[in-house]
């Protein structure tokens, strides 16, 4: 009879520890899911920032090419006027 009571007590202790373990693992999983959600949001923000920077870089290169082209056209136009005027 004493062995049966000891077994029941050991089973109760085991079940209590198992319940505590399951609860702690559930809390850990929830915490990990929240952390992954925050990381995902931060990656979206970084990708958006990177896209904006690439857009600004492309815009600056475009303006530079436009200025270079305009100066070349205007220089050749002025050279043509000087040649025709002589």
Protein backbone atom coordinates (compact mmCIF):
# COMPACT_ATOMS: atom_id res chain seq x y z
CA UNK A 1 0.00 0.00 0.00
CA UNK A 2 2.86 2.38 0.79
CA UNK A 3 4.35 1.83 -2.65
CA UNK A 4 1.05 2.77 -4.29
CA UNK A 5 0.85 6.04 -2.29
CA UNK A 6 4.44 6.85 -3.14
CA UNK A 7 3.75 6.19 -6.80
CA UNK A 8 0.66 8.42 -6.69
CA UNK A 9 2.64 11.20 -5.00
CA UNK A 10 5.47 10.85 -7.51
CA UNK A 11 2.94 10.94 -10.36
CA UNK A 12 1.31 14.06 -8.91
CA UNK A 13 4.71 15.76 -8.58
CA UNK A 14 5.59 14.73 -12.13
CA UNK A 15 2.29 16.05 -13.50
CA UNK A 16 2.73 19.34 -11.63
CA UNK A 17 6.25 19.74 -13.01
CA UNK A 18 5.03 18.83 -16.48
CA UNK A 19 2.30 21.47 -16.26
CA UNK A 20 4.88 24.06 -15.14
CA UNK A 21 7.18 23.04 -18.00
CA UNK A 22 4.38 23.31 -20.56
CA UNK A 23 3.41 26.74 -19.22
CA UNK A 24 7.00 27.99 -19.34
CA UNK A 25 7.46 26.66 -22.88
CA UNK A 26 4.22 28.33 -23.98
CA UNK A 27 5.41 31.63 -22.52
CA UNK A 28 8.78 31.19 -24.23
CA UNK A 29 7.13 30.46 -27.57
CA UNK A 30 4.92 33.54 -27.25
CA UNK A 31 7.95 35.66 -26.40
CA UNK A 32 9.87 34.29 -29.38
CA UNK A 33 6.93 34.96 -31.72
CA UNK A 34 6.70 38.56 -30.50
CA UNK A 35 10.45 39.02 -30.94
CA UNK A 36 10.33 37.61 -34.47
CA UNK A 37 7.45 39.97 -35.25
CA UNK A 38 9.54 42.93 -34.09
CA UNK A 39 12.52 41.74 -36.15
CA UNK A 40 10.28 41.40 -39.20
CA UNK A 41 8.99 44.95 -38.70
CA UNK A 42 12.54 46.28 -38.34
CA UNK A 43 13.60 44.48 -41.54
CA UNK A 44 10.67 46.06 -43.38
CA UNK A 45 11.76 49.49 -42.10
CA UNK A 46 15.35 48.85 -43.21
CA UNK A 47 14.22 47.71 -46.66
CA UNK A 48 12.03 50.82 -46.99
CA UNK A 49 14.96 53.05 -45.97
CA UNK A 50 17.25 51.27 -48.41
CA UNK A 51 14.74 51.73 -51.21
CA UNK A 52 14.52 55.44 -50.43
CA UNK A 53 18.30 55.74 -50.45
CA UNK A 54 18.55 53.94 -53.80
CA UNK A 55 15.88 56.29 -55.14
CA UNK A 56 17.78 59.35 -53.90
CA UNK A 57 21.02 58.00 -55.37
CA UNK A 58 19.36 57.37 -58.73
CA UNK A 59 17.82 60.84 -58.67
CA UNK A 60 21.21 62.45 -57.90
CA UNK A 61 22.88 60.50 -60.73
CA UNK A 62 20.08 61.50 -63.09
CA UNK A 63 20.42 65.18 -62.19
CA UNK A 64 24.21 64.93 -62.62
CA UNK A 65 23.85 63.39 -66.09
CA UNK A 66 21.26 66.02 -67.01
CA UNK A 67 23.58 68.86 -65.93
CA UNK A 68 26.52 67.30 -67.77
CA UNK A 69 24.44 66.84 -70.92
CA UNK A 70 23.05 70.38 -70.72
CA UNK A 71 26.50 71.88 -70.29
CA UNK A 72 27.82 69.86 -73.26
CA UNK A 73 24.92 70.92 -75.48
CA UNK A 74 25.18 74.55 -74.42
CA UNK A 75 28.97 74.54 -74.91
CA UNK A 76 28.64 73.11 -78.39
CA UNK A 77 25.88 75.61 -79.16
CA UNK A 78 28.07 78.53 -78.04
CA UNK A 79 31.02 77.11 -80.01
CA UNK A 80 28.79 76.84 -83.11
CA UNK A 81 27.64 80.46 -82.70
CA UNK A 82 31.27 81.63 -82.33
CA UNK A 83 32.33 79.67 -85.44
CA UNK A 84 29.39 80.98 -87.49
CA UNK A 85 30.01 84.54 -86.30
CA UNK A 86 33.58 84.64 -87.56
